[in-house]
Amino acid sequence: RFNPPFYLTGRDFVRYMLELYRAPY
């Protein structure tokens, strides 16, 4: 049951997740 923060854009969400994963955007 995946629900991203509703207020983030797709780019913001991917960028945020990659920062958590310590992977480059």
mmCIF file of all heavy atoms, coordinates in Angstrom:
data_MODEL
# 
_entry.id   MODEL 
# 
loop_
_atom_site.group_PDB 
_atom_site.id 
_atom_site.type_symbol 
_atom_site.label_atom_id 
_atom_site.label_alt_id 
_atom_site.label_comp_id 
_atom_site.label_asym_id 
_atom_site.label_entity_id 
_atom_site.label_seq_id 
_atom_site.pdbx_PDB_ins_code 
_atom_site.Cartn_x 
_atom_site.Cartn_y 
_atom_site.Cartn_z 
_atom_site.occupancy 
_atom_site.B_iso_or_equiv 
_atom_site.pdbx_formal_charge 
_atom_site.auth_seq_id 
_atom_site.auth_comp_id 
_atom_site.auth_asym_id 
_atom_site.auth_atom_id 
_atom_site.pdbx_PDB_model_num 
ATOM 1   N N   . ARG A 1 1  ? 0.859  -1.190 0.000   1.00 0.00 ? 1  ARG A N   1 
ATOM 2   C CA  . ARG A 1 1  ? 0.000  0.000  0.000   1.00 0.00 ? 1  ARG A CA  1 
ATOM 3   C C   . ARG A 1 1  ? 0.892  1.235  0.000   1.00 0.00 ? 1  ARG A C   1 
ATOM 4   O O   . ARG A 1 1  ? 1.170  1.828  1.033   1.00 0.00 ? 1  ARG A O   1 
ATOM 5   C CB  . ARG A 1 1  ? -0.936 -0.023 1.214   1.00 0.00 ? 1  ARG A CB  1 
ATOM 6   C CG  . ARG A 1 1  ? -1.934 -1.161 1.166   1.00 0.00 ? 1  ARG A CG  1 
ATOM 7   C CD  . ARG A 1 1  ? -2.828 -1.175 2.401   1.00 0.00 ? 1  ARG A CD  1 
ATOM 8   N NE  . ARG A 1 1  ? -3.808 -2.235 2.354   1.00 0.00 ? 1  ARG A NE  1 
ATOM 9   C CZ  . ARG A 1 1  ? -3.585 -3.480 2.767   1.00 0.00 ? 1  ARG A CZ  1 
ATOM 10  N NH1 . ARG A 1 1  ? -2.395 -3.791 3.269   1.00 0.00 ? 1  ARG A NH1 1 
ATOM 11  N NH2 . ARG A 1 1  ? -4.520 -4.401 2.676   1.00 0.00 ? 1  ARG A NH2 1 
ATOM 12  N N   . PHE A 1 2  ? 1.315  1.614  -1.191  1.00 0.00 ? 2  PHE A N   1 
ATOM 13  C CA  . PHE A 1 2  ? 2.250  2.730  -1.333  1.00 0.00 ? 2  PHE A CA  1 
ATOM 14  C C   . PHE A 1 2  ? 1.475  4.031  -1.532  1.00 0.00 ? 2  PHE A C   1 
ATOM 15  O O   . PHE A 1 2  ? 0.659  4.149  -2.448  1.00 0.00 ? 2  PHE A O   1 
ATOM 16  C CB  . PHE A 1 2  ? 3.185  2.477  -2.522  1.00 0.00 ? 2  PHE A CB  1 
ATOM 17  C CG  . PHE A 1 2  ? 3.942  3.699  -2.950  1.00 0.00 ? 2  PHE A CG  1 
ATOM 18  C CD1 . PHE A 1 2  ? 4.915  4.242  -2.131  1.00 0.00 ? 2  PHE A CD1 1 
ATOM 19  C CD2 . PHE A 1 2  ? 3.656  4.318  -4.153  1.00 0.00 ? 2  PHE A CD2 1 
ATOM 20  C CE1 . PHE A 1 2  ? 5.596  5.380  -2.504  1.00 0.00 ? 2  PHE A CE1 1 
ATOM 21  C CE2 . PHE A 1 2  ? 4.338  5.451  -4.548  1.00 0.00 ? 2  PHE A CE2 1 
ATOM 22  C CZ  . PHE A 1 2  ? 5.311  5.983  -3.720  1.00 0.00 ? 2  PHE A CZ  1 
ATOM 23  N N   . ASN A 1 3  ? 1.738  5.001  -0.673  1.00 0.00 ? 3  ASN A N   1 
ATOM 24  C CA  . ASN A 1 3  ? 1.101  6.313  -0.772  1.00 0.00 ? 3  ASN A CA  1 
ATOM 25  C C   . ASN A 1 3  ? 2.151  7.392  -0.545  1.00 0.00 ? 3  ASN A C   1 
ATOM 26  O O   . ASN A 1 3  ? 2.546  7.645  0.595   1.00 0.00 ? 3  ASN A O   1 
ATOM 27  C CB  . ASN A 1 3  ? -0.018 6.461  0.269   1.00 0.00 ? 3  ASN A CB  1 
ATOM 28  C CG  . ASN A 1 3  ? -1.219 5.603  -0.054  1.00 0.00 ? 3  ASN A CG  1 
ATOM 29  O OD1 . ASN A 1 3  ? -1.864 5.789  -1.074  1.00 0.00 ? 3  ASN A OD1 1 
ATOM 30  N ND2 . ASN A 1 3  ? -1.514 4.639  0.809   1.00 0.00 ? 3  ASN A ND2 1 
ATOM 31  N N   . PRO A 1 4  ? 2.604  8.059  -1.603  1.00 0.00 ? 4  PRO A N   1 
ATOM 32  C CA  . PRO A 1 4  ? 3.593  9.120  -1.431  1.00 0.00 ? 4  PRO A CA  1 
ATOM 33  C C   . PRO A 1 4  ? 2.943  10.348 -0.802  1.00 0.00 ? 4  PRO A C   1 
ATOM 34  O O   . PRO A 1 4  ? 1.717  10.515 -0.856  1.00 0.00 ? 4  PRO A O   1 
ATOM 35  C CB  . PRO A 1 4  ? 4.032  9.414  -2.869  1.00 0.00 ? 4  PRO A CB  1 
ATOM 36  C CG  . PRO A 1 4  ? 2.825  9.075  -3.696  1.00 0.00 ? 4  PRO A CG  1 
ATOM 37  C CD  . PRO A 1 4  ? 2.188  7.898  -3.011  1.00 0.00 ? 4  PRO A CD  1 
ATOM 38  N N   . PRO A 1 5  ? 3.720  11.233 -0.186  1.00 0.00 ? 5  PRO A N   1 
ATOM 39  C CA  . PRO A 1 5  ? 3.159  12.482 0.337   1.00 0.00 ? 5  PRO A CA  1 
ATOM 40  C C   . PRO A 1 5  ? 2.418  13.232 -0.768  1.00 0.00 ? 5  PRO A C   1 
ATOM 41  O O   . PRO A 1 5  ? 2.987  13.492 -1.832  1.00 0.00 ? 5  PRO A O   1 
ATOM 42  C CB  . PRO A 1 5  ? 4.392  13.240 0.829   1.00 0.00 ? 5  PRO A CB  1 
ATOM 43  C CG  . PRO A 1 5  ? 5.398  12.170 1.134   1.00 0.00 ? 5  PRO A CG  1 
ATOM 44  C CD  . PRO A 1 5  ? 5.161  11.109 0.097   1.00 0.00 ? 5  PRO A CD  1 
ATOM 45  N N   . PHE A 1 6  ? 1.164  13.550 -0.542  1.00 0.00 ? 6  PHE A N   1 
ATOM 46  C CA  . PHE A 1 6  ? 0.303  14.088 -1.598  1.00 0.00 ? 6  PHE A CA  1 
ATOM 47  C C   . PHE A 1 6  ? 0.774  15.434 -2.121  1.00 0.00 ? 6  PHE A C   1 
ATOM 48  O O   . PHE A 1 6  ? 0.455  15.833 -3.237  1.00 0.00 ? 6  PHE A O   1 
ATOM 49  C CB  . PHE A 1 6  ? -1.137 14.196 -1.084  1.00 0.00 ? 6  PHE A CB  1 
ATOM 50  C CG  . PHE A 1 6  ? -1.333 15.263 -0.040  1.00 0.00 ? 6  PHE A CG  1 
ATOM 51  C CD1 . PHE A 1 6  ? -1.697 16.550 -0.394  1.00 0.00 ? 6  PHE A CD1 1 
ATOM 52  C CD2 . PHE A 1 6  ? -1.159 14.973 1.305   1.00 0.00 ? 6  PHE A CD2 1 
ATOM 53  C CE1 . PHE A 1 6  ? -1.884 17.531 0.567   1.00 0.00 ? 6  PHE A CE1 1 
ATOM 54  C CE2 . PHE A 1 6  ? -1.333 15.951 2.270   1.00 0.00 ? 6  PHE A CE2 1 
ATOM 55  C CZ  . PHE A 1 6  ? -1.699 17.237 1.912   1.00 0.00 ? 6  PHE A CZ  1 
ATOM 56  N N   . TYR A 1 7  ? 1.540  16.169 -1.311  1.00 0.00 ? 7  TYR A N   1 
ATOM 57  C CA  . TYR A 1 7  ? 1.929  17.533 -1.675  1.00 0.00 ? 7  TYR A CA  1 
ATOM 58  C C   . TYR A 1 7  ? 3.222  17.592 -2.484  1.00 0.00 ? 7  TYR A C   1 
ATOM 59  O O   . TYR A 1 7  ? 3.583  18.655 -3.009  1.00 0.00 ? 7  TYR A O   1 
ATOM 60  C CB  . TYR A 1 7  ? 2.095  18.382 -0.411  1.00 0.00 ? 7  TYR A CB  1 
ATOM 61  C CG  . TYR A 1 7  ? 2.978  17.753 0.638   1.00 0.00 ? 7  TYR A CG  1 
ATOM 62  C CD1 . TYR A 1 7  ? 4.357  17.894 0.604   1.00 0.00 ? 7  TYR A CD1 1 
ATOM 63  C CD2 . TYR A 1 7  ? 2.418  16.965 1.647   1.00 0.00 ? 7  TYR A CD2 1 
ATOM 64  C CE1 . TYR A 1 7  ? 5.159  17.280 1.546   1.00 0.00 ? 7  TYR A CE1 1 
ATOM 65  C CE2 . TYR A 1 7  ? 3.217  16.354 2.606   1.00 0.00 ? 7  TYR A CE2 1 
ATOM 66  C CZ  . TYR A 1 7  ? 4.580  16.514 2.550   1.00 0.00 ? 7  TYR A CZ  1 
ATOM 67  O OH  . TYR A 1 7  ? 5.382  15.899 3.482   1.00 0.00 ? 7  TYR A OH  1 
ATOM 68  N N   . LEU A 1 8  ? 3.937  16.467 -2.606  1.00 0.00 ? 8  LEU A N   1 
ATOM 69  C CA  . LEU A 1 8  ? 5.187  16.451 -3.357  1.00 0.00 ? 8  LEU A CA  1 
ATOM 70  C C   . LEU A 1 8  ? 4.920  16.188 -4.836  1.00 0.00 ? 8  LEU A C   1 
ATOM 71  O O   . LEU A 1 8  ? 4.049  15.405 -5.203  1.00 0.00 ? 8  LEU A O   1 
ATOM 72  C CB  . LEU A 1 8  ? 6.125  15.363 -2.829  1.00 0.00 ? 8  LEU A CB  1 
ATOM 73  C CG  . LEU A 1 8  ? 6.723  15.558 -1.440  1.00 0.00 ? 8  LEU A CG  1 
ATOM 74  C CD1 . LEU A 1 8  ? 7.645  14.391 -1.109  1.00 0.00 ? 8  LEU A CD1 1 
ATOM 75  C CD2 . LEU A 1 8  ? 7.482  16.872 -1.344  1.00 0.00 ? 8  LEU A CD2 1 
ATOM 76  N N   . THR A 1 9  ? 5.689  16.831 -5.688  1.00 0.00 ? 9  THR A N   1 
ATOM 77  C CA  . THR A 1 9  ? 5.651  16.479 -7.101  1.00 0.00 ? 9  THR A CA  1 
ATOM 78  C C   . THR A 1 9  ? 6.393  15.164 -7.303  1.00 0.00 ? 9  THR A C   1 
ATOM 79  O O   . THR A 1 9  ? 7.139  14.707 -6.422  1.00 0.00 ? 9  THR A O   1 
ATOM 80  C CB  . THR A 1 9  ? 6.328  17.560 -7.966  1.00 0.00 ? 9  THR A CB  1 
ATOM 81  O OG1 . THR A 1 9  ? 7.726  17.612 -7.641  1.00 0.00 ? 9  THR A OG1 1 
ATOM 82  C CG2 . THR A 1 9  ? 5.694  18.928 -7.736  1.00 0.00 ? 9  THR A CG2 1 
ATOM 83  N N   . GLY A 1 10 ? 6.199  14.564 -8.468  1.00 0.00 ? 10 GLY A N   1 
ATOM 84  C CA  . GLY A 1 10 ? 6.924  13.331 -8.759  1.00 0.00 ? 10 GLY A CA  1 
ATOM 85  C C   . GLY A 1 10 ? 8.418  13.519 -8.661  1.00 0.00 ? 10 GLY A C   1 
ATOM 86  O O   . GLY A 1 10 ? 9.126  12.672 -8.105  1.00 0.00 ? 10 GLY A O   1 
ATOM 87  N N   . ARG A 1 11 ? 8.916  14.629 -9.177  1.00 0.00 ? 11 ARG A N   1 
ATOM 88  C CA  . ARG A 1 11 ? 10.362 14.889 -9.119  1.00 0.00 ? 11 ARG A CA  1 
ATOM 89  C C   . ARG A 1 11 ? 10.832 15.031 -7.677  1.00 0.00 ? 11 ARG A C   1 
ATOM 90  O O   . ARG A 1 11 ? 11.857 14.470 -7.291  1.00 0.00 ? 11 ARG A O   1 
ATOM 91  C CB  . ARG A 1 11 ? 10.696 16.147 -9.906  1.00 0.00 ? 11 ARG A CB  1 
ATOM 92  C CG  . ARG A 1 11 ? 12.191 16.501 -9.877  1.00 0.00 ? 11 ARG A CG  1 
ATOM 93  C CD  . ARG A 1 11 ? 12.524 17.746 -10.666 1.00 0.00 ? 11 ARG A CD  1 
ATOM 94  N NE  . ARG A 1 11 ? 12.420 17.498 -12.112 1.00 0.00 ? 11 ARG A NE  1 
ATOM 95  C CZ  . ARG A 1 11 ? 11.396 17.885 -12.860 1.00 0.00 ? 11 ARG A CZ  1 
ATOM 96  N NH1 . ARG A 1 11 ? 10.368 18.530 -12.309 1.00 0.00 ? 11 ARG A NH1 1 
ATOM 97  N NH2 . ARG A 1 11 ? 11.383 17.628 -14.149 1.00 0.00 ? 11 ARG A NH2 1 
ATOM 98  N N   . ASP A 1 12 ? 10.078 15.790 -6.880  1.00 0.00 ? 12 ASP A N   1 
ATOM 99  C CA  . ASP A 1 12 ? 10.465 15.986 -5.485  1.00 0.00 ? 12 ASP A CA  1 
ATOM 100 C C   . ASP A 1 12 ? 10.498 14.666 -4.730  1.00 0.00 ? 12 ASP A C   1 
ATOM 101 O O   . ASP A 1 12 ? 11.393 14.422 -3.914  1.00 0.00 ? 12 ASP A O   1 
ATOM 102 C CB  . ASP A 1 12 ? 9.507  16.955 -4.788  1.00 0.00 ? 12 ASP A CB  1 
ATOM 103 C CG  . ASP A 1 12 ? 9.665  18.387 -5.260  1.00 0.00 ? 12 ASP A CG  1 
ATOM 104 O OD1 . ASP A 1 12 ? 10.736 18.711 -5.810  1.00 0.00 ? 12 ASP A OD1 1 
ATOM 105 O OD2 . ASP A 1 12 ? 8.719  19.174 -5.085  1.00 0.00 ? 12 ASP A OD2 1 
ATOM 106 N N   . PHE A 1 13 ? 9.506  13.808 -5.004  1.00 0.00 ? 13 PHE A N   1 
ATOM 107 C CA  . PHE A 1 13 ? 9.464  12.525 -4.308  1.00 0.00 ? 13 PHE A CA  1 
ATOM 108 C C   . PHE A 1 13 ? 10.649 11.651 -4.698  1.00 0.00 ? 13 PHE A C   1 
ATOM 109 O O   . PHE A 1 13 ? 11.314 11.065 -3.826  1.00 0.00 ? 13 PHE A O   1 
ATOM 110 C CB  . PHE A 1 13 ? 8.160  11.785 -4.603  1.00 0.00 ? 13 PHE A CB  1 
ATOM 111 C CG  . PHE A 1 13 ? 8.113  10.413 -3.993  1.00 0.00 ? 13 PHE A CG  1 
ATOM 112 C CD1 . PHE A 1 13 ? 7.895  10.260 -2.633  1.00 0.00 ? 13 PHE A CD1 1 
ATOM 113 C CD2 . PHE A 1 13 ? 8.322  9.281  -4.762  1.00 0.00 ? 13 PHE A CD2 1 
ATOM 114 C CE1 . PHE A 1 13 ? 7.892  8.997  -2.049  1.00 0.00 ? 13 PHE A CE1 1 
ATOM 115 C CE2 . PHE A 1 13 ? 8.312  8.017  -4.194  1.00 0.00 ? 13 PHE A CE2 1 
ATOM 116 C CZ  . PHE A 1 13 ? 8.090  7.882  -2.834  1.00 0.00 ? 13 PHE A CZ  1 
ATOM 117 N N   . VAL A 1 14 ? 10.924 11.537 -5.992  1.00 0.00 ? 14 VAL A N   1 
ATOM 118 C CA  . VAL A 1 14 ? 12.051 10.711 -6.432  1.00 0.00 ? 14 VAL A CA  1 
ATOM 119 C C   . VAL A 1 14 ? 13.355 11.259 -5.875  1.00 0.00 ? 14 VAL A C   1 
ATOM 120 O O   . VAL A 1 14 ? 14.208 10.502 -5.382  1.00 0.00 ? 14 VAL A O   1 
ATOM 121 C CB  . VAL A 1 14 ? 12.098 10.634 -7.970  1.00 0.00 ? 14 VAL A CB  1 
ATOM 122 C CG1 . VAL A 1 14 ? 13.367 9.920  -8.424  1.00 0.00 ? 14 VAL A CG1 1 
ATOM 123 C CG2 . VAL A 1 14 ? 10.870 9.903  -8.503  1.00 0.00 ? 14 VAL A CG2 1 
ATOM 124 N N   . ARG A 1 15 ? 13.515 12.581 -5.924  1.00 0.00 ? 15 ARG A N   1 
ATOM 125 C CA  . ARG A 1 15 ? 14.744 13.184 -5.406  1.00 0.00 ? 15 ARG A CA  1 
ATOM 126 C C   . ARG A 1 15 ? 14.910 12.886 -3.909  1.00 0.00 ? 15 ARG A C   1 
ATOM 127 O O   . ARG A 1 15 ? 15.999 12.563 -3.436  1.00 0.00 ? 15 ARG A O   1 
ATOM 128 C CB  . ARG A 1 15 ? 14.726 14.693 -5.649  1.00 0.00 ? 15 ARG A CB  1 
ATOM 129 C CG  . ARG A 1 15 ? 16.072 15.375 -5.413  1.00 0.00 ? 15 ARG A CG  1 
ATOM 130 C CD  . ARG A 1 15 ? 15.937 16.886 -5.562  1.00 0.00 ? 15 ARG A CD  1 
ATOM 131 N NE  . ARG A 1 15 ? 15.519 17.276 -6.876  1.00 0.00 ? 15 ARG A NE  1 
ATOM 132 C CZ  . ARG A 1 15 ? 16.345 17.452 -7.918  1.00 0.00 ? 15 ARG A CZ  1 
ATOM 133 N NH1 . ARG A 1 15 ? 17.647 17.237 -7.745  1.00 0.00 ? 15 ARG A NH1 1 
ATOM 134 N NH2 . ARG A 1 15 ? 15.884 17.832 -9.085  1.00 0.00 ? 15 ARG A NH2 1 
ATOM 135 N N   . TYR A 1 16 ? 13.799 12.994 -3.172  1.00 0.00 ? 16 TYR A N   1 
ATOM 136 C CA  . TYR A 1 16 ? 13.827 12.738 -1.729  1.00 0.00 ? 16 TYR A CA  1 
ATOM 137 C C   . TYR A 1 16 ? 14.191 11.286 -1.447  1.00 0.00 ? 16 TYR A C   1 
ATOM 138 O O   . TYR A 1 16 ? 15.036 10.994 -0.588  1.00 0.00 ? 16 TYR A O   1 
ATOM 139 C CB  . TYR A 1 16 ? 12.472 13.076 -1.132  1.00 0.00 ? 16 TYR A CB  1 
ATOM 140 C CG  . TYR A 1 16 ? 12.306 12.699 0.317   1.00 0.00 ? 16 TYR A CG  1 
ATOM 141 C CD1 . TYR A 1 16 ? 13.049 13.316 1.315   1.00 0.00 ? 16 TYR A CD1 1 
ATOM 142 C CD2 . TYR A 1 16 ? 11.397 11.703 0.688   1.00 0.00 ? 16 TYR A CD2 1 
ATOM 143 C CE1 . TYR A 1 16 ? 12.892 12.960 2.649   1.00 0.00 ? 16 TYR A CE1 1 
ATOM 144 C CE2 . TYR A 1 16 ? 11.241 11.343 2.017   1.00 0.00 ? 16 TYR A CE2 1 
ATOM 145 C CZ  . TYR A 1 16 ? 11.991 11.979 2.987   1.00 0.00 ? 16 TYR A CZ  1 
ATOM 146 O OH  . TYR A 1 16 ? 11.834 11.610 4.295   1.00 0.00 ? 16 TYR A OH  1 
ATOM 147 N N   . MET A 1 17 ? 13.558 10.348 -2.173  1.00 0.00 ? 17 MET A N   1 
ATOM 148 C CA  . MET A 1 17 ? 13.835 8.944  -1.942  1.00 0.00 ? 17 MET A CA  1 
ATOM 149 C C   . MET A 1 17 ? 15.283 8.589  -2.293  1.00 0.00 ? 17 MET A C   1 
ATOM 150 O O   . MET A 1 17 ? 15.938 7.823  -1.582  1.00 0.00 ? 17 MET A O   1 
ATOM 151 C CB  . MET A 1 17 ? 12.873 8.065  -2.742  1.00 0.00 ? 17 MET A CB  1 
ATOM 152 C CG  . MET A 1 17 ? 11.435 8.102  -2.239  1.00 0.00 ? 17 MET A CG  1 
ATOM 153 S SD  . MET A 1 17 ? 11.289 7.617  -0.493  1.00 0.00 ? 17 MET A SD  1 
ATOM 154 C CE  . MET A 1 17 ? 11.942 5.963  -0.538  1.00 0.00 ? 17 MET A CE  1 
ATOM 155 N N   . LEU A 1 18 ? 15.795 9.139  -3.377  1.00 0.00 ? 18 LEU A N   1 
ATOM 156 C CA  . LEU A 1 18 ? 17.169 8.841  -3.753  1.00 0.00 ? 18 LEU A CA  1 
ATOM 157 C C   . LEU A 1 18 ? 18.151 9.427  -2.739  1.00 0.00 ? 18 LEU A C   1 
ATOM 158 O O   . LEU A 1 18 ? 19.228 8.853  -2.505  1.00 0.00 ? 18 LEU A O   1 
ATOM 159 C CB  . LEU A 1 18 ? 17.462 9.361  -5.158  1.00 0.00 ? 18 LEU A CB  1 
ATOM 160 C CG  . LEU A 1 18 ? 16.725 8.631  -6.285  1.00 0.00 ? 18 LEU A CG  1 
ATOM 161 C CD1 . LEU A 1 18 ? 17.133 9.175  -7.643  1.00 0.00 ? 18 LEU A CD1 1 
ATOM 162 C CD2 . LEU A 1 18 ? 16.985 7.126  -6.225  1.00 0.00 ? 18 LEU A CD2 1 
ATOM 163 N N   . GLU A 1 19 ? 17.788 10.538 -2.131  1.00 0.00 ? 19 GLU A N   1 
ATOM 164 C CA  . GLU A 1 19 ? 18.633 11.073 -1.067  1.00 0.00 ? 19 GLU A CA  1 
ATOM 165 C C   . GLU A 1 19 ? 18.662 10.111 0.117   1.00 0.00 ? 19 GLU A C   1 
ATOM 166 O O   . GLU A 1 19 ? 19.718 9.868  0.710   1.00 0.00 ? 19 GLU A O   1 
ATOM 167 C CB  . GLU A 1 19 ? 18.121 12.444 -0.627  1.00 0.00 ? 19 GLU A CB  1 
ATOM 168 C CG  . GLU A 1 19 ? 19.005 13.122 0.408   1.00 0.00 ? 19 GLU A CG  1 
ATOM 169 C CD  . GLU A 1 19 ? 18.574 14.532 0.732   1.00 0.00 ? 19 GLU A CD  1 
ATOM 170 O OE1 . GLU A 1 19 ? 17.777 15.105 -0.036  1.00 0.00 ? 19 GLU A OE1 1 
ATOM 171 O OE2 . GLU A 1 19 ? 19.024 15.058 1.763   1.00 0.00 ? 19 GLU A OE2 1 
ATOM 172 N N   . LEU A 1 20 ? 17.488 9.539  0.458   1.00 0.00 ? 20 LEU A N   1 
ATOM 173 C CA  . LEU A 1 20 ? 17.446 8.552  1.542   1.00 0.00 ? 20 LEU A CA  1 
ATOM 174 C C   . LEU A 1 20 ? 18.256 7.311  1.184   1.00 0.00 ? 20 LEU A C   1 
ATOM 175 O O   . LEU A 1 20 ? 18.911 6.718  2.047   1.00 0.00 ? 20 LEU A O   1 
ATOM 176 C CB  . LEU A 1 20 ? 15.995 8.169  1.845   1.00 0.00 ? 20 LEU A CB  1 
ATOM 177 C CG  . LEU A 1 20 ? 15.099 9.236  2.466   1.00 0.00 ? 20 LEU A CG  1 
ATOM 178 C CD1 . LEU A 1 20 ? 13.698 8.675  2.692   1.00 0.00 ? 20 LEU A CD1 1 
ATOM 179 C CD2 . LEU A 1 20 ? 15.675 9.736  3.793   1.00 0.00 ? 20 LEU A CD2 1 
ATOM 180 N N   . TYR A 1 21 ? 18.183 6.909  -0.083  1.00 0.00 ? 21 TYR A N   1 
ATOM 181 C CA  . TYR A 1 21 ? 18.942 5.742  -0.534  1.00 0.00 ? 21 TYR A CA  1 
ATOM 182 C C   . TYR A 1 21 ? 20.419 6.056  -0.767  1.00 0.00 ? 21 TYR A C   1 
ATOM 183 O O   . TYR A 1 21 ? 21.201 5.171  -1.113  1.00 0.00 ? 21 TYR A O   1 
ATOM 184 C CB  . TYR A 1 21 ? 18.351 5.199  -1.839  1.00 0.00 ? 21 TYR A CB  1 
ATOM 185 C CG  . TYR A 1 21 ? 17.072 4.423  -1.683  1.00 0.00 ? 21 TYR A CG  1 
ATOM 186 C CD1 . TYR A 1 21 ? 15.957 4.693  -2.480  1.00 0.00 ? 21 TYR A CD1 1 
ATOM 187 C CD2 . TYR A 1 21 ? 16.966 3.383  -0.767  1.00 0.00 ? 21 TYR A CD2 1 
ATOM 188 C CE1 . TYR A 1 21 ? 14.784 3.961  -2.362  1.00 0.00 ? 21 TYR A CE1 1 
ATOM 189 C CE2 . TYR A 1 21 ? 15.801 2.651  -0.644  1.00 0.00 ? 21 TYR A CE2 1 
ATOM 190 C CZ  . TYR A 1 21 ? 14.712 2.951  -1.438  1.00 0.00 ? 21 TYR A CZ  1 
ATOM 191 O OH  . TYR A 1 21 ? 13.548 2.216  -1.314  1.00 0.00 ? 21 TYR A OH  1 
ATOM 192 N N   . ARG A 1 22 ? 20.791 7.329  -0.623  1.00 0.00 ? 22 ARG A N   1 
ATOM 193 C CA  . ARG A 1 22 ? 22.159 7.780  -0.867  1.00 0.00 ? 22 ARG A CA  1 
ATOM 194 C C   . ARG A 1 22 ? 22.597 7.458  -2.286  1.00 0.00 ? 22 ARG A C   1 
ATOM 195 O O   . ARG A 1 22 ? 23.721 6.996  -2.537  1.00 0.00 ? 22 ARG A O   1 
ATOM 196 C CB  . ARG A 1 22 ? 23.121 7.187  0.161   1.00 0.00 ? 22 ARG A CB  1 
ATOM 197 C CG  . ARG A 1 22 ? 22.781 7.607  1.597   1.00 0.00 ? 22 ARG A CG  1 
ATOM 198 C CD  . ARG A 1 22 ? 23.762 7.070  2.601   1.00 0.00 ? 22 ARG A CD  1 
ATOM 199 N NE  . ARG A 1 22 ? 23.389 7.484  3.958   1.00 0.00 ? 22 ARG A NE  1 
ATOM 200 C CZ  . ARG A 1 22 ? 24.056 7.158  5.056   1.00 0.00 ? 22 ARG A CZ  1 
ATOM 201 N NH1 . ARG A 1 22 ? 25.142 6.399  4.954   1.00 0.00 ? 22 ARG A NH1 1 
ATOM 202 N NH2 . ARG A 1 22 ? 23.652 7.559  6.247   1.00 0.00 ? 22 ARG A NH2 1 
ATOM 203 N N   . ALA A 1 23 ? 21.680 7.709  -3.205  1.00 0.00 ? 23 ALA A N   1 
ATOM 204 C CA  . ALA A 1 23 ? 21.936 7.496  -4.623  1.00 0.00 ? 23 ALA A CA  1 
ATOM 205 C C   . ALA A 1 23 ? 21.802 8.838  -5.340  1.00 0.00 ? 23 ALA A C   1 
ATOM 206 O O   . ALA A 1 23 ? 21.002 9.687  -4.947  1.00 0.00 ? 23 ALA A O   1 
ATOM 207 C CB  . ALA A 1 23 ? 20.940 6.485  -5.206  1.00 0.00 ? 23 ALA A CB  1 
ATOM 208 N N   . PRO A 1 24 ? 22.567 9.064  -6.387  1.00 0.00 ? 24 PRO A N   1 
ATOM 209 C CA  . PRO A 1 24 ? 22.508 10.350 -7.095  1.00 0.00 ? 24 PRO A CA  1 
ATOM 210 C C   . PRO A 1 24 ? 21.219 10.503 -7.891  1.00 0.00 ? 24 PRO A C   1 
ATOM 211 O O   . PRO A 1 24 ? 20.661 9.520  -8.381  1.00 0.00 ? 24 PRO A O   1 
ATOM 212 C CB  . PRO A 1 24 ? 23.730 10.303 -8.008  1.00 0.00 ? 24 PRO A CB  1 
ATOM 213 C CG  . PRO A 1 24 ? 23.963 8.843  -8.250  1.00 0.00 ? 24 PRO A CG  1 
ATOM 214 C CD  . PRO A 1 24 ? 23.592 8.159  -6.964  1.00 0.00 ? 24 PRO A CD  1 
ATOM 215 N N   . TYR A 1 25 ? 20.773 11.740 -8.007  1.00 0.00 ? 25 TYR A N   1 
ATOM 216 C CA  . TYR A 1 25 ? 19.610 12.043 -8.844  1.00 0.00 ? 25 TYR A CA  1 
ATOM 217 C C   . TYR A 1 25 ? 20.115 12.471 -10.209 1.00 0.00 ? 25 TYR A C   1 
ATOM 218 O O   . TYR A 1 25 ? 20.914 13.410 -10.325 1.00 0.00 ? 25 TYR A O   1 
ATOM 219 C CB  . TYR A 1 25 ? 18.769 13.153 -8.225  1.00 0.00 ? 25 TYR A CB  1 
ATOM 220 C CG  . TYR A 1 25 ? 17.554 13.509 -9.059  1.00 0.00 ? 25 TYR A CG  1 
ATOM 221 C CD1 . TYR A 1 25 ? 16.327 12.893 -8.827  1.00 0.00 ? 25 TYR A CD1 1 
ATOM 222 C CD2 . TYR A 1 25 ? 17.633 14.448 -10.091 1.00 0.00 ? 25 TYR A CD2 1 
ATOM 223 C CE1 . TYR A 1 25 ? 15.215 13.191 -9.592  1.00 0.00 ? 25 TYR A CE1 1 
ATOM 224 C CE2 . TYR A 1 25 ? 16.530 14.746 -10.864 1.00 0.00 ? 25 TYR A CE2 1 
ATOM 225 C CZ  . TYR A 1 25 ? 15.326 14.120 -10.620 1.00 0.00 ? 25 TYR A CZ  1 
ATOM 226 O OH  . TYR A 1 25 ? 14.228 14.425 -11.390 1.00 0.00 ? 25 TYR A OH  1 
# 
